[in-house]
N, C-alpha and C. Protein backbone atom coordinates (compact mmCIF):
# COMPACT_ATOMS: atom_id res chain seq x y z
N UNK A 1 0.83 -1.19 0.00
CA UNK A 1 0.00 0.00 0.00
C UNK A 1 0.87 1.25 0.00
N UNK A 2 0.35 2.34 -0.58
CA UNK A 2 1.13 3.55 -0.71
C UNK A 2 1.52 4.15 0.64
N UNK A 3 0.75 3.91 1.69
CA UNK A 3 1.08 4.49 2.99
C UNK A 3 2.35 3.87 3.57
N UNK A 4 2.82 2.80 2.98
CA UNK A 4 4.05 2.16 3.46
C UNK A 4 5.25 2.53 2.60
N UNK A 5 5.07 3.42 1.65
CA UNK A 5 6.19 3.86 0.84
C UNK A 5 7.19 4.61 1.71
N UNK A 6 8.39 4.79 1.19
CA UNK A 6 9.43 5.51 1.91
C UNK A 6 9.17 7.00 1.78
N UNK A 7 8.62 7.57 2.83
CA UNK A 7 8.14 8.95 2.78
C UNK A 7 9.25 9.94 2.45
N UNK A 8 10.41 9.81 3.07
CA UNK A 8 11.48 10.77 2.83
C UNK A 8 11.94 10.76 1.39
N UNK A 9 11.98 9.59 0.79
CA UNK A 9 12.37 9.51 -0.62
C UNK A 9 11.33 10.17 -1.52
N UNK A 10 10.06 9.97 -1.19
CA UNK A 10 9.00 10.59 -1.98
C UNK A 10 9.02 12.10 -1.82
N UNK A 11 9.20 12.58 -0.58
CA UNK A 11 9.32 14.02 -0.36
C UNK A 11 10.48 14.58 -1.19
N UNK A 12 11.60 13.88 -1.19
CA UNK A 12 12.78 14.37 -1.93
C UNK A 12 12.49 14.48 -3.42
N UNK A 13 11.82 13.49 -3.98
CA UNK A 13 11.50 13.50 -5.41
C UNK A 13 10.53 14.62 -5.74
N UNK A 14 9.48 14.74 -4.90
CA UNK A 14 8.49 15.80 -5.14
C UNK A 14 9.14 17.18 -5.07
N UNK A 15 9.97 17.39 -4.05
CA UNK A 15 10.62 18.71 -3.89
C UNK A 15 11.57 18.99 -5.05
N UNK A 16 12.31 17.98 -5.49
CA UNK A 16 13.23 18.16 -6.61
C UNK A 16 12.48 18.52 -7.88
N UNK A 17 11.41 17.80 -8.17
CA UNK A 17 10.66 18.07 -9.40
C UNK A 17 9.94 19.42 -9.33
N UNK A 18 9.46 19.81 -8.15
CA UNK A 18 8.84 21.12 -8.00
C UNK A 18 9.87 22.22 -8.25
N UNK A 19 11.08 22.04 -7.73
CA UNK A 19 12.14 23.02 -7.96
C UNK A 19 12.48 23.12 -9.44
N UNK A 20 12.58 22.00 -10.10
CA UNK A 20 12.88 22.00 -11.54
C UNK A 20 11.79 22.69 -12.34
N UNK A 21 10.55 22.52 -11.92
CA UNK A 21 9.42 23.11 -12.65
C UNK A 21 9.15 24.55 -12.24
N UNK A 22 9.81 25.01 -11.19
CA UNK A 22 9.57 26.37 -10.72
C UNK A 22 8.18 26.54 -10.13
N UNK A 23 7.73 25.55 -9.39
CA UNK A 23 6.39 25.60 -8.83
C UNK A 23 6.42 25.25 -7.35
N UNK A 24 5.25 25.18 -6.73
CA UNK A 24 5.15 24.82 -5.32
C UNK A 24 4.29 23.57 -5.19
N UNK A 25 4.37 22.96 -4.02
CA UNK A 25 3.62 21.73 -3.75
C UNK A 25 2.62 22.01 -2.64
N UNK A 26 1.40 21.51 -2.82
CA UNK A 26 0.35 21.67 -1.82
C UNK A 26 -0.07 20.28 -1.35
N UNK A 27 -0.06 20.08 -0.05
CA UNK A 27 -0.48 18.80 0.51
C UNK A 27 -1.93 18.88 0.97
N UNK A 28 -2.68 17.84 0.74
CA UNK A 28 -4.09 17.82 1.12
C UNK A 28 -4.21 17.26 2.54
N UNK A 29 -3.87 18.08 3.52
CA UNK A 29 -3.88 17.64 4.93
C UNK A 29 -5.24 17.93 5.56
N UNK A 30 -6.24 17.26 5.07
CA UNK A 30 -7.61 17.47 5.52
C UNK A 30 -8.12 16.25 6.27
N UNK A 31 -9.09 16.48 7.14
CA UNK A 31 -9.66 15.36 7.87
C UNK A 31 -8.74 14.92 8.99
N UNK A 32 -8.71 13.61 9.24
CA UNK A 32 -7.88 13.05 10.31
C UNK A 32 -6.45 12.92 9.79
N UNK A 33 -5.54 13.70 10.39
CA UNK A 33 -4.15 13.73 9.92
C UNK A 33 -3.24 13.34 11.08
N UNK A 34 -2.39 12.32 10.92
CA UNK A 34 -1.46 11.95 11.99
C UNK A 34 -0.58 13.13 12.40
N UNK A 35 -0.18 13.16 13.66
CA UNK A 35 0.56 14.29 14.20
C UNK A 35 1.86 14.58 13.46
N UNK A 36 2.49 13.56 12.91
CA UNK A 36 3.80 13.78 12.28
C UNK A 36 3.71 14.36 10.87
N UNK A 37 2.51 14.38 10.28
CA UNK A 37 2.39 14.76 8.87
C UNK A 37 2.69 16.25 8.65
N UNK A 38 2.05 17.12 9.41
CA UNK A 38 2.22 18.56 9.16
C UNK A 38 3.64 19.04 9.45
N UNK A 39 4.29 18.59 10.52
CA UNK A 39 5.70 18.97 10.68
C UNK A 39 6.57 18.49 9.52
N UNK A 40 6.28 17.30 9.00
CA UNK A 40 7.04 16.79 7.86
C UNK A 40 6.78 17.65 6.63
N UNK A 41 5.52 18.05 6.41
CA UNK A 41 5.21 18.93 5.29
C UNK A 41 5.97 20.25 5.42
N UNK A 42 5.96 20.82 6.63
CA UNK A 42 6.62 22.10 6.84
C UNK A 42 8.12 21.99 6.59
N UNK A 43 8.72 20.90 7.02
CA UNK A 43 10.17 20.75 6.85
C UNK A 43 10.56 20.59 5.39
N UNK A 44 9.62 20.17 4.55
CA UNK A 44 9.89 20.02 3.12
C UNK A 44 9.26 21.13 2.30
N UNK A 45 8.76 22.17 2.97
CA UNK A 45 8.16 23.33 2.30
C UNK A 45 6.95 22.93 1.45
N UNK A 46 6.17 21.98 1.96
CA UNK A 46 4.92 21.59 1.31
C UNK A 46 3.80 22.41 1.95
N UNK A 47 3.07 23.14 1.15
CA UNK A 47 2.02 24.02 1.66
C UNK A 47 0.81 23.22 2.15
N UNK A 48 0.12 23.80 3.15
CA UNK A 48 -1.06 23.16 3.69
C UNK A 48 -2.31 23.54 2.89
N UNK A 49 -3.39 22.80 3.13
CA UNK A 49 -4.68 23.07 2.53
C UNK A 49 -5.65 23.53 3.62
N UNK A 50 -6.38 24.60 3.34
CA UNK A 50 -7.36 25.13 4.28
C UNK A 50 -8.68 25.26 3.54
N UNK A 51 -9.74 24.64 4.08
CA UNK A 51 -11.06 24.68 3.46
C UNK A 51 -12.06 25.21 4.48
N UNK A 52 -12.70 26.34 4.19
CA UNK A 52 -13.50 27.06 5.16
C UNK A 52 -14.53 26.22 5.91
N UNK A 53 -15.38 25.42 5.25
CA UNK A 53 -16.39 24.69 6.02
C UNK A 53 -15.82 23.74 7.07
N UNK A 54 -14.60 23.28 6.86
CA UNK A 54 -13.99 22.35 7.81
C UNK A 54 -13.32 23.08 8.97
N UNK A 55 -13.26 24.39 8.90
CA UNK A 55 -12.56 25.16 9.93
C UNK A 55 -13.52 25.92 10.83
N UNK A 56 -14.81 25.61 10.75
CA UNK A 56 -15.80 26.24 11.62
C UNK A 56 -15.71 25.66 13.03
N UNK A 57 -15.94 26.49 14.02
CA UNK A 57 -15.88 26.04 15.41
C UNK A 57 -17.25 26.23 16.06
N UNK A 58 -17.35 25.83 17.31
CA UNK A 58 -18.59 26.02 18.07
C UNK A 58 -18.53 27.25 18.96
N UNK A 59 -17.51 28.07 18.77
CA UNK A 59 -17.33 29.27 19.57
C UNK A 59 -17.93 30.48 18.85
N UNK A 60 -19.03 31.05 19.34
CA UNK A 60 -19.64 32.19 18.64
C UNK A 60 -18.71 33.39 18.53
N UNK A 61 -17.79 33.54 19.48
CA UNK A 61 -16.86 34.67 19.43
C UNK A 61 -15.77 34.49 18.38
N UNK A 62 -15.45 33.24 18.08
CA UNK A 62 -14.42 32.94 17.08
C UNK A 62 -14.87 31.71 16.30
N UNK A 63 -15.88 31.87 15.44
CA UNK A 63 -16.48 30.71 14.79
C UNK A 63 -15.67 30.12 13.64
N UNK A 64 -14.56 30.77 13.30
CA UNK A 64 -13.78 30.32 12.16
C UNK A 64 -12.30 30.36 12.49
N UNK A 65 -11.64 29.21 12.45
CA UNK A 65 -10.20 29.19 12.65
C UNK A 65 -9.53 29.87 11.46
N UNK A 66 -8.54 30.73 11.67
CA UNK A 66 -7.91 31.43 10.55
C UNK A 66 -6.98 30.51 9.77
N UNK A 67 -6.82 30.78 8.48
CA UNK A 67 -5.88 29.99 7.69
C UNK A 67 -4.45 30.20 8.18
N UNK A 68 -3.67 29.14 8.31
CA UNK A 68 -2.27 29.32 8.69
C UNK A 68 -1.49 29.96 7.55
N UNK A 69 -0.43 30.67 7.90
CA UNK A 69 0.40 31.26 6.85
C UNK A 69 0.97 30.13 6.00
N UNK A 70 1.06 30.35 4.73
CA UNK A 70 1.58 29.34 3.83
C UNK A 70 0.55 28.36 3.31
N UNK A 71 -0.71 28.50 3.78
CA UNK A 71 -1.75 27.57 3.31
C UNK A 71 -2.36 28.06 2.01
N UNK A 72 -2.93 27.13 1.28
CA UNK A 72 -3.76 27.44 0.12
C UNK A 72 -5.21 27.35 0.60
N UNK A 73 -5.89 28.50 0.65
CA UNK A 73 -7.21 28.58 1.26
C UNK A 73 -8.31 28.61 0.20
N UNK A 74 -9.44 27.97 0.50
CA UNK A 74 -10.55 27.93 -0.45
C UNK A 74 -11.85 27.69 0.29
N UNK A 75 -12.95 27.79 -0.43
CA UNK A 75 -14.27 27.50 0.13
C UNK A 75 -14.62 26.03 0.05
N UNK A 76 -13.90 25.28 -0.76
CA UNK A 76 -14.17 23.86 -0.96
C UNK A 76 -13.04 23.24 -1.77
N UNK A 77 -13.16 21.95 -2.03
CA UNK A 77 -12.24 21.27 -2.94
C UNK A 77 -13.08 20.58 -4.02
N UNK A 78 -12.40 19.93 -4.94
CA UNK A 78 -13.09 19.24 -6.03
C UNK A 78 -13.94 18.08 -5.54
N UNK A 79 -13.70 17.61 -4.32
CA UNK A 79 -14.46 16.50 -3.78
C UNK A 79 -15.54 16.93 -2.79
N UNK A 80 -15.82 18.23 -2.74
CA UNK A 80 -16.80 18.74 -1.77
C UNK A 80 -17.95 19.43 -2.47
N UNK A 81 -19.00 19.70 -1.70
CA UNK A 81 -20.13 20.45 -2.24
C UNK A 81 -19.69 21.88 -2.55
N UNK A 82 -20.27 22.48 -3.59
CA UNK A 82 -20.04 23.91 -3.81
C UNK A 82 -20.52 24.72 -2.62
N UNK A 83 -20.06 25.96 -2.52
CA UNK A 83 -20.41 26.79 -1.36
C UNK A 83 -21.91 26.94 -1.21
N UNK A 84 -22.63 27.16 -2.30
CA UNK A 84 -24.09 27.38 -2.21
C UNK A 84 -24.79 26.19 -1.57
N UNK A 85 -24.36 25.00 -1.91
CA UNK A 85 -25.00 23.82 -1.33
C UNK A 85 -24.64 23.69 0.16
N UNK A 86 -23.38 23.99 0.48
CA UNK A 86 -22.98 23.98 1.89
C UNK A 86 -23.79 24.99 2.69
N UNK A 87 -23.88 26.23 2.18
CA UNK A 87 -24.53 27.30 2.93
C UNK A 87 -26.01 27.03 3.11
N UNK A 88 -26.68 26.60 2.05
CA UNK A 88 -28.12 26.39 2.13
C UNK A 88 -28.48 25.14 2.94
N UNK A 89 -27.52 24.24 3.09
CA UNK A 89 -27.77 23.04 3.88
C UNK A 89 -27.29 23.13 5.31
N UNK A 90 -26.59 24.21 5.64
CA UNK A 90 -26.06 24.37 7.01
C UNK A 90 -27.18 24.70 7.98
N UNK A 91 -27.07 24.28 9.23
CA UNK A 91 -28.09 24.62 10.23
C UNK A 91 -28.22 26.15 10.35
N UNK A 92 -29.42 26.66 10.54
CA UNK A 92 -29.61 28.11 10.63
C UNK A 92 -28.71 28.78 11.66
N UNK A 93 -28.52 28.12 12.81
CA UNK A 93 -27.69 28.74 13.85
C UNK A 93 -26.23 28.87 13.41
N UNK A 94 -25.77 27.93 12.59
CA UNK A 94 -24.39 28.03 12.08
C UNK A 94 -24.26 29.18 11.10
N UNK A 95 -25.27 29.33 10.24
CA UNK A 95 -25.25 30.45 9.30
C UNK A 95 -25.30 31.78 10.04
N UNK A 96 -26.12 31.85 11.08
CA UNK A 96 -26.25 33.10 11.83
C UNK A 96 -24.92 33.49 12.49
N UNK A 97 -24.25 32.51 13.10
CA UNK A 97 -22.99 32.79 13.78
C UNK A 97 -21.92 33.24 12.79
N UNK A 98 -21.82 32.54 11.67
CA UNK A 98 -20.82 32.92 10.68
C UNK A 98 -21.15 34.27 10.05
N UNK A 99 -22.43 34.52 9.81
CA UNK A 99 -22.83 35.82 9.26
C UNK A 99 -22.49 36.95 10.23
N UNK A 100 -22.76 36.74 11.51
CA UNK A 100 -22.41 37.75 12.51
C UNK A 100 -20.92 38.03 12.52
N UNK A 101 -20.14 36.98 12.39
CA UNK A 101 -18.68 37.14 12.35
C UNK A 101 -18.25 37.94 11.11
N UNK A 102 -18.82 37.62 9.97
CA UNK A 102 -18.47 38.34 8.74
C UNK A 102 -18.90 39.80 8.81
N UNK A 103 -20.01 40.06 9.50
CA UNK A 103 -20.41 41.45 9.75
C UNK A 103 -19.36 42.17 10.60
N UNK A 104 -18.94 41.51 11.68
CA UNK A 104 -17.94 42.13 12.57
C UNK A 104 -16.63 42.40 11.83
N UNK A 105 -16.30 41.53 10.92
CA UNK A 105 -15.05 41.68 10.16
C UNK A 105 -15.15 42.76 9.09
N UNK A 106 -16.37 43.21 8.82
CA UNK A 106 -16.55 44.25 7.82
C UNK A 106 -16.76 43.76 6.41
N UNK A 107 -16.92 42.45 6.25
CA UNK A 107 -17.09 41.91 4.88
C UNK A 107 -18.54 41.90 4.44
N UNK A 108 -19.46 42.16 5.35
CA UNK A 108 -20.87 42.34 5.02
C UNK A 108 -21.28 43.72 5.53
N UNK A 109 -21.87 44.50 4.66
CA UNK A 109 -22.32 45.83 5.07
C UNK A 109 -23.54 45.70 5.96
N UNK A 110 -23.81 46.69 6.82
CA UNK A 110 -24.96 46.62 7.73
C UNK A 110 -26.28 46.42 7.01
N UNK A 111 -26.39 46.89 5.78
CA UNK A 111 -27.65 46.79 5.07
C UNK A 111 -27.74 45.55 4.18
N UNK A 112 -26.83 44.60 4.35
CA UNK A 112 -26.82 43.41 3.50
C UNK A 112 -27.57 42.25 4.12
N UNK A 113 -28.66 42.53 4.77
CA UNK A 113 -29.49 41.46 5.30
C UNK A 113 -29.17 41.16 6.74
N UNK A 114 -30.16 40.69 7.49
CA UNK A 114 -29.89 40.36 8.88
C UNK A 114 -29.19 39.02 8.97
N UNK A 115 -28.79 38.65 10.17
CA UNK A 115 -27.96 37.47 10.34
C UNK A 115 -28.71 36.17 10.03
N UNK A 116 -30.01 36.21 10.01
CA UNK A 116 -30.77 34.99 9.74
C UNK A 116 -31.13 34.86 8.27
N UNK A 117 -30.96 35.92 7.50
CA UNK A 117 -31.48 35.88 6.13
C UNK A 117 -30.50 36.40 5.08
N UNK A 118 -29.21 36.52 5.41
CA UNK A 118 -28.26 36.99 4.42
C UNK A 118 -28.26 36.02 3.24
N UNK A 119 -28.18 36.56 2.04
CA UNK A 119 -28.28 35.72 0.85
C UNK A 119 -27.03 34.86 0.68
N UNK A 120 -27.22 33.76 -0.04
CA UNK A 120 -26.10 32.86 -0.32
C UNK A 120 -25.01 33.60 -1.08
N UNK A 121 -25.40 34.42 -2.03
CA UNK A 121 -24.43 35.16 -2.83
C UNK A 121 -23.58 36.09 -1.97
N UNK A 122 -24.21 36.81 -1.05
CA UNK A 122 -23.47 37.73 -0.19
C UNK A 122 -22.60 36.98 0.80
N UNK A 123 -23.10 35.85 1.30
CA UNK A 123 -22.29 35.04 2.22
C UNK A 123 -21.06 34.49 1.51
N UNK A 124 -21.23 34.05 0.26
CA UNK A 124 -20.11 33.53 -0.51
C UNK A 124 -19.06 34.61 -0.73
N UNK A 125 -19.50 35.79 -1.17
CA UNK A 125 -18.56 36.88 -1.45
C UNK A 125 -17.85 37.32 -0.17
N UNK A 126 -18.58 37.41 0.93
CA UNK A 126 -17.97 37.82 2.20
C UNK A 126 -16.96 36.78 2.68
N UNK A 127 -17.27 35.51 2.49
CA UNK A 127 -16.35 34.45 2.91
C UNK A 127 -15.06 34.50 2.09
N UNK A 128 -15.18 34.79 0.81
CA UNK A 128 -13.97 34.93 -0.01
C UNK A 128 -13.16 36.14 0.41
N UNK A 129 -13.82 37.22 0.79
CA UNK A 129 -13.09 38.39 1.28
C UNK A 129 -12.33 38.05 2.55
N UNK A 130 -12.96 37.27 3.42
CA UNK A 130 -12.29 36.86 4.66
C UNK A 130 -11.04 36.06 4.34
N UNK A 131 -11.13 35.13 3.41
CA UNK A 131 -9.95 34.35 3.03
C UNK A 131 -8.89 35.23 2.39
N UNK A 132 -9.33 36.17 1.57
CA UNK A 132 -8.38 37.05 0.89
C UNK A 132 -7.58 37.89 1.87
N UNK A 133 -8.20 38.25 2.99
CA UNK A 133 -7.54 39.10 3.98
C UNK A 133 -6.66 38.30 4.94
N UNK A 134 -6.63 37.00 4.80
CA UNK A 134 -5.91 36.15 5.74
C UNK A 134 -4.43 36.07 5.41
N UNK A 135 -3.72 35.29 6.21
CA UNK A 135 -2.29 35.07 5.99
C UNK A 135 -2.03 33.91 5.02
N UNK A 136 -3.09 33.38 4.42
CA UNK A 136 -2.91 32.28 3.48
C UNK A 136 -1.97 32.68 2.34
N UNK A 137 -1.17 31.73 1.89
CA UNK A 137 -0.26 32.03 0.80
C UNK A 137 -1.01 32.33 -0.49
N UNK A 138 -2.04 31.55 -0.75
CA UNK A 138 -2.87 31.74 -1.94
C UNK A 138 -4.32 31.50 -1.57
N UNK A 139 -5.21 32.15 -2.32
CA UNK A 139 -6.65 31.90 -2.20
C UNK A 139 -7.12 31.31 -3.53
N UNK A 140 -7.72 30.15 -3.44
CA UNK A 140 -8.19 29.44 -4.63
C UNK A 140 -9.70 29.65 -4.74
N UNK A 141 -10.14 30.21 -5.86
CA UNK A 141 -11.56 30.49 -6.07
C UNK A 141 -12.13 29.48 -7.06
N UNK A 142 -13.17 28.77 -6.67
CA UNK A 142 -13.87 27.87 -7.59
C UNK A 142 -14.85 28.69 -8.41
N UNK A 143 -14.67 28.72 -9.71
CA UNK A 143 -15.52 29.56 -10.55
C UNK A 143 -17.00 29.26 -10.36
N UNK A 144 -17.35 27.99 -10.22
CA UNK A 144 -18.76 27.65 -10.10
C UNK A 144 -19.39 28.22 -8.84
N UNK A 145 -18.58 28.48 -7.81
CA UNK A 145 -19.13 29.13 -6.61
C UNK A 145 -19.64 30.52 -6.93
N UNK A 146 -19.02 31.19 -7.90
CA UNK A 146 -19.35 32.58 -8.18
C UNK A 146 -20.75 32.73 -8.76
N UNK A 147 -21.28 31.70 -9.38
CA UNK A 147 -22.68 31.78 -9.84
C UNK A 147 -23.57 30.80 -9.06
N UNK A 148 -23.10 30.40 -7.89
CA UNK A 148 -23.90 29.65 -6.92
C UNK A 148 -24.36 28.29 -7.44
N UNK A 149 -23.47 27.61 -8.14
CA UNK A 149 -23.74 26.24 -8.57
C UNK A 149 -23.94 25.39 -7.32
N UNK A 150 -24.91 24.49 -7.37
CA UNK A 150 -25.17 23.61 -6.24
C UNK A 150 -24.77 22.16 -6.50
N UNK A 151 -24.50 21.84 -7.76
CA UNK A 151 -24.14 20.46 -8.09
C UNK A 151 -22.63 20.30 -8.05
N UNK A 152 -22.11 19.32 -7.32
CA UNK A 152 -20.67 19.09 -7.30
C UNK A 152 -20.19 18.46 -8.60
N UNK A 153 -18.95 18.72 -8.94
CA UNK A 153 -18.38 18.08 -10.14
C UNK A 153 -18.01 16.63 -9.86
N UNK A 154 -17.64 16.33 -8.63
CA UNK A 154 -17.20 14.98 -8.30
C UNK A 154 -17.79 14.57 -6.96
N UNK A 155 -18.32 13.36 -6.91
CA UNK A 155 -18.84 12.80 -5.66
C UNK A 155 -18.04 11.54 -5.36
N UNK A 156 -17.14 11.60 -4.39
CA UNK A 156 -16.31 10.43 -4.08
C UNK A 156 -17.15 9.20 -3.78
N UNK A 157 -16.67 8.06 -4.25
CA UNK A 157 -17.36 6.80 -3.99
C UNK A 157 -18.46 6.47 -4.96
N UNK A 158 -18.68 7.32 -5.95
CA UNK A 158 -19.71 7.04 -6.95
C UNK A 158 -19.07 6.75 -8.30
N UNK A 159 -19.79 6.03 -9.13
CA UNK A 159 -19.31 5.71 -10.48
C UNK A 159 -20.38 6.07 -11.50
N UNK A 160 -21.40 5.24 -11.59
CA UNK A 160 -22.44 5.43 -12.60
C UNK A 160 -23.56 6.36 -12.14
N UNK A 161 -23.74 6.50 -10.83
CA UNK A 161 -24.88 7.28 -10.34
C UNK A 161 -24.64 8.78 -10.39
N UNK A 162 -23.42 9.19 -10.68
CA UNK A 162 -23.12 10.62 -10.78
C UNK A 162 -22.13 10.83 -11.93
N UNK A 163 -22.38 11.84 -12.78
CA UNK A 163 -21.49 12.07 -13.94
C UNK A 163 -20.19 12.78 -13.55
N UNK A 164 -19.37 12.11 -12.74
CA UNK A 164 -18.15 12.74 -12.24
C UNK A 164 -17.26 13.26 -13.37
N UNK A 165 -16.93 14.55 -13.25
CA UNK A 165 -16.03 15.25 -14.17
C UNK A 165 -16.56 15.34 -15.59
N UNK A 166 -17.82 15.02 -15.81
CA UNK A 166 -18.36 15.04 -17.17
C UNK A 166 -19.43 16.12 -17.37
N UNK A 167 -19.87 16.74 -16.28
CA UNK A 167 -20.92 17.75 -16.41
C UNK A 167 -20.32 19.07 -16.89
N UNK A 168 -20.91 19.62 -17.92
CA UNK A 168 -20.45 20.90 -18.45
C UNK A 168 -20.78 22.03 -17.48
N UNK A 169 -19.92 23.01 -17.41
CA UNK A 169 -20.22 24.20 -16.63
C UNK A 169 -21.44 24.90 -17.24
N UNK A 170 -22.25 25.52 -16.39
CA UNK A 170 -23.45 26.18 -16.90
C UNK A 170 -23.16 27.55 -17.49
N UNK A 171 -21.94 28.02 -17.36
CA UNK A 171 -21.54 29.30 -17.95
C UNK A 171 -20.41 29.08 -18.95
N UNK A 172 -20.45 29.81 -20.05
CA UNK A 172 -19.35 29.79 -20.99
C UNK A 172 -18.26 30.75 -20.52
N UNK A 173 -17.08 30.64 -21.09
CA UNK A 173 -15.99 31.55 -20.72
C UNK A 173 -16.37 33.00 -21.01
N UNK A 174 -17.09 33.22 -22.11
CA UNK A 174 -17.51 34.58 -22.44
C UNK A 174 -18.48 35.12 -21.40
N UNK A 175 -19.40 34.27 -20.95
CA UNK A 175 -20.35 34.69 -19.92
C UNK A 175 -19.65 34.97 -18.60
N UNK A 176 -18.64 34.16 -18.28
CA UNK A 176 -17.90 34.35 -17.04
C UNK A 176 -17.17 35.68 -17.06
N UNK A 177 -16.49 35.97 -18.15
CA UNK A 177 -15.63 37.16 -18.17
C UNK A 177 -16.41 38.46 -18.35
N UNK A 178 -17.71 38.36 -18.63
CA UNK A 178 -18.51 39.58 -18.77
C UNK A 178 -19.58 39.72 -17.69
N UNK A 179 -19.61 38.79 -16.73
CA UNK A 179 -20.61 38.83 -15.66
C UNK A 179 -20.16 39.84 -14.60
N UNK A 180 -20.94 40.91 -14.37
CA UNK A 180 -20.52 41.93 -13.40
C UNK A 180 -20.33 41.39 -11.99
N UNK A 181 -21.19 40.45 -11.59
CA UNK A 181 -21.06 39.90 -10.24
C UNK A 181 -19.77 39.10 -10.10
N UNK A 182 -19.50 38.24 -11.07
CA UNK A 182 -18.26 37.44 -11.05
C UNK A 182 -17.05 38.36 -11.02
N UNK A 183 -17.04 39.35 -11.89
CA UNK A 183 -15.91 40.28 -11.94
C UNK A 183 -15.79 41.08 -10.65
N UNK A 184 -16.92 41.43 -10.06
CA UNK A 184 -16.89 42.19 -8.82
C UNK A 184 -16.27 41.40 -7.68
N UNK A 185 -16.68 40.14 -7.53
CA UNK A 185 -16.13 39.30 -6.46
C UNK A 185 -14.64 39.05 -6.67
N UNK A 186 -14.27 38.71 -7.89
CA UNK A 186 -12.85 38.48 -8.19
C UNK A 186 -12.04 39.76 -8.00
N UNK A 187 -12.62 40.88 -8.35
CA UNK A 187 -11.95 42.16 -8.15
C UNK A 187 -11.72 42.44 -6.67
N UNK A 188 -12.71 42.12 -5.83
CA UNK A 188 -12.57 42.29 -4.38
C UNK A 188 -11.43 41.42 -3.85
N UNK A 189 -11.41 40.17 -4.26
CA UNK A 189 -10.36 39.25 -3.80
C UNK A 189 -8.99 39.78 -4.21
N UNK A 190 -8.88 40.21 -5.45
CA UNK A 190 -7.59 40.73 -5.94
C UNK A 190 -7.18 41.98 -5.16
N UNK A 191 -8.12 42.89 -4.96
CA UNK A 191 -7.81 44.14 -4.26
C UNK A 191 -7.35 43.87 -2.83
N UNK A 192 -8.06 42.98 -2.13
CA UNK A 192 -7.71 42.70 -0.74
C UNK A 192 -6.36 41.99 -0.65
N UNK A 193 -6.12 41.07 -1.58
CA UNK A 193 -4.84 40.35 -1.56
C UNK A 193 -3.66 41.28 -1.80
N UNK A 194 -3.87 42.36 -2.52
CA UNK A 194 -2.78 43.28 -2.84
C UNK A 194 -2.49 44.27 -1.72
N UNK A 195 -3.38 44.36 -0.72
CA UNK A 195 -3.14 45.29 0.38
C UNK A 195 -1.97 44.82 1.25
N UNK A 196 -1.29 45.74 1.90
CA UNK A 196 -0.37 45.33 2.96
C UNK A 196 -1.13 44.56 4.02
N UNK A 197 -0.50 43.55 4.60
CA UNK A 197 -1.22 42.67 5.51
C UNK A 197 -1.84 43.43 6.68
N UNK A 198 -1.21 44.51 7.13
CA UNK A 198 -1.77 45.21 8.28
C UNK A 198 -3.04 45.96 7.93
N UNK A 199 -3.31 46.17 6.63
CA UNK A 199 -4.52 46.87 6.23
C UNK A 199 -5.65 45.93 5.83
N UNK A 200 -5.36 44.64 5.62
CA UNK A 200 -6.34 43.71 5.07
C UNK A 200 -7.18 43.09 6.18
N UNK A 201 -7.89 43.93 6.88
CA UNK A 201 -8.72 43.44 7.98
C UNK A 201 -10.17 43.83 7.82
N UNK A 202 -10.55 44.26 6.65
CA UNK A 202 -11.93 44.68 6.44
C UNK A 202 -11.98 46.15 6.54
């Protein structure tokens, strides 16, 4: 099994090839991760993965753990539900707590709906602003989140019952690049990421 491979040799090969290609390596350290994995990743300069729905806490004062520096932060991965499906399926109390937090952070304006009824679109945009203002090395935006797609591209463990990786996007490239909402959200992320870190707090 692959978990019995010689880890140090694999790290060495991955790091060497990344250096040759002039790129970086991101490790998918999600879910249950043995204690030795993240220190090993750090020692080999392998970036961490941060996914917002998995970083929610039960503390109303701090309902979201911040992305660690050097992480690649996103609202989901290719194996998860799009943000709209996550948000609309989340318990109301969880949405209220996260909405209140995003209000406090300044990513939702006072007139953008109360904490129980903020729209999925506004919650998505505010969540991306929060990630953009973080210490994450990169923020990865799933295009389908920008138009509130609810169908995942891939459902792990399925074969015939779901068209994994075969469903066409509902927007064309031309529609994406001319959509004011899409451009607005991406523009916000870009603007916030370009700020000095001490100013990127909302």
